[in-house]
């Protein structure tokens, strides 16, 4: 109960400080992003989306396996076996 009260006071202070910052709208309409989106659309038109998602998934799995093997090899080298 005390911790909840302290957190409420802390969040009220932070909220009060954040209201002093003016609102800012970020416009993401740029030529670089438009070209990037067009390239992605072209890839999905040429190669079906299911194939692209499978390739990305396989790449992520293989990278995770490599990281796991590297961690195991590092731990094996650190352990003092004679």
N, C-alpha and C. Protein backbone atom coordinates (compact mmCIF):
# COMPACT_ATOMS: atom_id res chain seq x y z
N UNK A 1 0.83 -1.18 0.00
CA UNK A 1 0.00 0.00 0.00
C UNK A 1 0.88 1.25 0.00
N UNK A 2 1.93 1.22 0.79
CA UNK A 2 2.83 2.37 0.85
C UNK A 2 3.57 2.52 -0.48
N UNK A 3 4.03 1.39 -1.03
CA UNK A 3 4.75 1.43 -2.30
C UNK A 3 3.83 1.93 -3.41
N UNK A 4 2.58 1.49 -3.40
CA UNK A 4 1.63 1.95 -4.42
C UNK A 4 1.42 3.46 -4.31
N UNK A 5 1.35 3.97 -3.10
CA UNK A 5 1.20 5.41 -2.90
C UNK A 5 2.42 6.18 -3.39
N UNK A 6 3.62 5.64 -3.10
CA UNK A 6 4.84 6.30 -3.57
C UNK A 6 4.93 6.29 -5.10
N UNK A 7 4.56 5.16 -5.70
CA UNK A 7 4.56 5.10 -7.16
C UNK A 7 3.54 6.07 -7.75
N UNK A 8 2.39 6.22 -7.11
CA UNK A 8 1.38 7.17 -7.59
C UNK A 8 1.92 8.59 -7.55
N UNK A 9 2.59 8.94 -6.47
CA UNK A 9 3.18 10.27 -6.36
C UNK A 9 4.27 10.45 -7.41
N UNK A 10 5.12 9.45 -7.60
CA UNK A 10 6.19 9.53 -8.59
C UNK A 10 5.63 9.71 -10.00
N UNK A 11 4.62 8.90 -10.36
CA UNK A 11 4.03 9.01 -11.68
C UNK A 11 3.31 10.35 -11.86
N UNK A 12 2.72 10.88 -10.80
CA UNK A 12 2.08 12.19 -10.89
C UNK A 12 3.12 13.27 -11.17
N UNK A 13 4.27 13.19 -10.51
CA UNK A 13 5.33 14.17 -10.75
C UNK A 13 5.86 14.07 -12.19
N UNK A 14 6.10 12.84 -12.64
CA UNK A 14 6.61 12.65 -14.00
C UNK A 14 5.58 13.13 -15.02
N UNK A 15 4.31 12.84 -14.78
CA UNK A 15 3.26 13.29 -15.69
C UNK A 15 3.20 14.81 -15.73
N UNK A 16 3.36 15.46 -14.59
CA UNK A 16 3.37 16.92 -14.54
C UNK A 16 4.55 17.50 -15.29
N UNK A 17 5.71 16.87 -15.18
CA UNK A 17 6.90 17.35 -15.90
C UNK A 17 6.74 17.14 -17.39
N UNK A 18 6.17 16.00 -17.79
CA UNK A 18 6.00 15.71 -19.21
C UNK A 18 4.97 16.62 -19.88
N UNK A 19 4.04 17.19 -19.12
CA UNK A 19 3.08 18.11 -19.73
C UNK A 19 3.76 19.42 -20.12
N UNK A 20 4.93 19.71 -19.58
CA UNK A 20 5.65 20.93 -19.95
C UNK A 20 6.30 20.83 -21.34
N UNK A 21 6.52 19.60 -21.80
CA UNK A 21 7.12 19.39 -23.11
C UNK A 21 6.05 19.61 -24.18
N UNK A 22 6.35 20.44 -25.18
CA UNK A 22 5.33 20.68 -26.21
C UNK A 22 5.11 19.44 -27.08
N UNK A 23 3.89 19.35 -27.63
CA UNK A 23 3.58 18.23 -28.52
C UNK A 23 4.37 18.39 -29.82
N UNK A 24 4.82 17.26 -30.35
CA UNK A 24 5.60 17.27 -31.57
C UNK A 24 5.06 16.21 -32.50
N UNK A 25 4.74 16.60 -33.71
CA UNK A 25 4.25 15.65 -34.71
C UNK A 25 5.39 15.31 -35.64
N UNK A 26 5.65 14.02 -35.80
CA UNK A 26 6.75 13.56 -36.66
C UNK A 26 6.16 13.08 -37.97
N UNK A 27 6.61 13.66 -39.04
CA UNK A 27 6.11 13.30 -40.36
C UNK A 27 7.07 12.30 -40.99
N UNK A 28 6.57 11.11 -41.30
CA UNK A 28 7.43 10.06 -41.84
C UNK A 28 7.31 9.93 -43.36
N UNK A 29 6.65 10.87 -44.00
CA UNK A 29 6.53 10.84 -45.45
C UNK A 29 7.82 11.38 -46.06
N UNK A 30 8.71 10.50 -46.38
CA UNK A 30 9.96 10.92 -47.00
C UNK A 30 10.20 10.07 -48.24
N UNK A 31 11.04 10.54 -49.08
CA UNK A 31 11.33 9.83 -50.33
C UNK A 31 12.03 8.51 -50.05
N UNK A 32 12.93 8.49 -49.06
CA UNK A 32 13.66 7.25 -48.76
C UNK A 32 12.70 6.15 -48.30
N UNK A 33 11.77 6.50 -47.43
CA UNK A 33 10.82 5.48 -46.96
C UNK A 33 9.89 5.04 -48.08
N UNK A 34 9.51 5.97 -48.95
CA UNK A 34 8.65 5.59 -50.06
C UNK A 34 9.37 4.61 -50.98
N UNK A 35 10.63 4.87 -51.26
CA UNK A 35 11.40 3.95 -52.09
C UNK A 35 11.57 2.60 -51.41
N UNK A 36 11.78 2.60 -50.09
CA UNK A 36 11.91 1.35 -49.34
C UNK A 36 10.61 0.55 -49.42
N UNK A 37 9.47 1.22 -49.23
CA UNK A 37 8.18 0.52 -49.30
C UNK A 37 7.93 -0.03 -50.69
N UNK A 38 8.32 0.71 -51.72
CA UNK A 38 8.15 0.22 -53.08
C UNK A 38 9.02 -1.01 -53.33
N UNK A 39 10.23 -1.01 -52.79
CA UNK A 39 11.10 -2.18 -52.95
C UNK A 39 10.51 -3.40 -52.25
N UNK A 40 9.96 -3.20 -51.06
CA UNK A 40 9.33 -4.31 -50.33
C UNK A 40 8.13 -4.83 -51.11
N UNK A 41 7.33 -3.91 -51.66
CA UNK A 41 6.18 -4.35 -52.46
C UNK A 41 6.62 -5.15 -53.67
N UNK A 42 7.72 -4.73 -54.31
CA UNK A 42 8.22 -5.45 -55.48
C UNK A 42 8.67 -6.86 -55.09
N UNK A 43 9.37 -6.97 -53.96
CA UNK A 43 9.83 -8.29 -53.51
C UNK A 43 8.64 -9.19 -53.23
N UNK A 44 7.60 -8.66 -52.57
CA UNK A 44 6.43 -9.48 -52.28
C UNK A 44 5.64 -9.80 -53.53
N UNK A 45 5.77 -9.01 -54.59
CA UNK A 45 5.10 -9.31 -55.84
C UNK A 45 5.83 -10.43 -56.59
N UNK A 46 7.17 -10.35 -56.59
CA UNK A 46 7.97 -11.33 -57.32
C UNK A 46 8.00 -12.65 -56.56
N UNK A 47 8.24 -12.59 -55.26
CA UNK A 47 8.34 -13.80 -54.43
C UNK A 47 7.14 -13.78 -53.47
N UNK A 48 6.38 -14.84 -53.40
CA UNK A 48 5.23 -14.87 -52.49
C UNK A 48 5.63 -14.61 -51.03
N UNK A 49 4.74 -13.97 -50.31
CA UNK A 49 5.02 -13.58 -48.94
C UNK A 49 5.34 -14.78 -48.05
N UNK A 50 4.69 -15.91 -48.27
CA UNK A 50 4.95 -17.09 -47.45
C UNK A 50 6.40 -17.55 -47.58
N UNK A 51 6.94 -17.46 -48.81
CA UNK A 51 8.33 -17.87 -49.03
C UNK A 51 9.28 -16.91 -48.32
N UNK A 52 9.01 -15.61 -48.40
CA UNK A 52 9.87 -14.62 -47.76
C UNK A 52 9.84 -14.81 -46.24
N UNK A 53 8.67 -15.02 -45.68
CA UNK A 53 8.56 -15.22 -44.23
C UNK A 53 9.29 -16.50 -43.81
N UNK A 54 9.20 -17.55 -44.63
CA UNK A 54 9.92 -18.80 -44.33
C UNK A 54 11.43 -18.57 -44.36
N UNK A 55 11.91 -17.83 -45.36
CA UNK A 55 13.35 -17.56 -45.45
C UNK A 55 13.83 -16.76 -44.25
N UNK A 56 13.06 -15.74 -43.86
CA UNK A 56 13.44 -14.93 -42.69
C UNK A 56 13.42 -15.80 -41.43
N UNK A 57 12.42 -16.66 -41.29
CA UNK A 57 12.34 -17.54 -40.13
C UNK A 57 13.51 -18.51 -40.05
N UNK A 58 13.87 -19.09 -41.19
CA UNK A 58 15.02 -20.01 -41.21
C UNK A 58 16.30 -19.27 -40.87
N UNK A 59 16.46 -18.05 -41.40
CA UNK A 59 17.65 -17.26 -41.10
C UNK A 59 17.74 -16.96 -39.60
N UNK A 60 16.63 -16.59 -38.99
CA UNK A 60 16.62 -16.29 -37.55
C UNK A 60 16.96 -17.54 -36.74
N UNK A 61 16.38 -18.70 -37.12
CA UNK A 61 16.65 -19.95 -36.40
C UNK A 61 18.13 -20.33 -36.51
N UNK A 62 18.69 -20.24 -37.72
CA UNK A 62 20.11 -20.59 -37.89
C UNK A 62 21.02 -19.65 -37.11
N UNK A 63 20.68 -18.36 -37.08
CA UNK A 63 21.47 -17.41 -36.30
C UNK A 63 21.40 -17.74 -34.82
N UNK A 64 20.22 -18.10 -34.33
CA UNK A 64 20.09 -18.47 -32.92
C UNK A 64 20.88 -19.74 -32.60
N UNK A 65 20.90 -20.69 -33.52
CA UNK A 65 21.69 -21.91 -33.30
C UNK A 65 23.17 -21.57 -33.23
N UNK A 66 23.64 -20.70 -34.14
CA UNK A 66 25.05 -20.29 -34.11
C UNK A 66 25.40 -19.59 -32.81
N UNK A 67 24.50 -18.74 -32.34
CA UNK A 67 24.75 -18.04 -31.06
C UNK A 67 24.79 -19.04 -29.93
N UNK A 68 23.88 -20.02 -29.92
CA UNK A 68 23.87 -21.04 -28.87
C UNK A 68 25.13 -21.88 -28.87
N UNK A 69 25.59 -22.29 -30.05
CA UNK A 69 26.83 -23.07 -30.14
C UNK A 69 28.02 -22.24 -29.65
N UNK A 70 28.06 -20.96 -30.01
CA UNK A 70 29.16 -20.10 -29.57
C UNK A 70 29.16 -19.93 -28.06
N UNK A 71 27.97 -19.81 -27.46
CA UNK A 71 27.89 -19.68 -26.00
C UNK A 71 28.36 -20.97 -25.34
N UNK A 72 27.93 -22.12 -25.86
CA UNK A 72 28.34 -23.40 -25.28
C UNK A 72 29.85 -23.59 -25.41
N UNK A 73 30.42 -23.24 -26.58
CA UNK A 73 31.87 -23.37 -26.76
C UNK A 73 32.63 -22.44 -25.80
N UNK A 74 32.12 -21.24 -25.59
CA UNK A 74 32.76 -20.30 -24.67
C UNK A 74 32.72 -20.82 -23.25
N UNK A 75 31.57 -21.33 -22.83
CA UNK A 75 31.47 -21.89 -21.47
C UNK A 75 32.37 -23.10 -21.35
N UNK A 76 32.46 -23.94 -22.37
CA UNK A 76 33.33 -25.12 -22.34
C UNK A 76 34.79 -24.73 -22.17
N UNK A 77 35.21 -23.65 -22.83
CA UNK A 77 36.59 -23.19 -22.71
C UNK A 77 36.87 -22.57 -21.35
N UNK A 78 35.86 -21.96 -20.74
CA UNK A 78 36.05 -21.31 -19.44
C UNK A 78 36.17 -22.35 -18.33
N UNK A 79 35.43 -23.45 -18.42
CA UNK A 79 35.46 -24.47 -17.37
C UNK A 79 36.85 -25.13 -17.33
N UNK A 80 37.38 -25.28 -16.11
CA UNK A 80 38.74 -25.83 -15.99
C UNK A 80 38.75 -27.36 -15.97
N UNK A 81 38.75 -27.98 -17.15
CA UNK A 81 38.87 -29.43 -17.23
C UNK A 81 40.32 -29.79 -17.48
N UNK A 82 40.78 -30.87 -16.84
CA UNK A 82 42.17 -31.30 -17.04
C UNK A 82 42.22 -32.63 -17.72
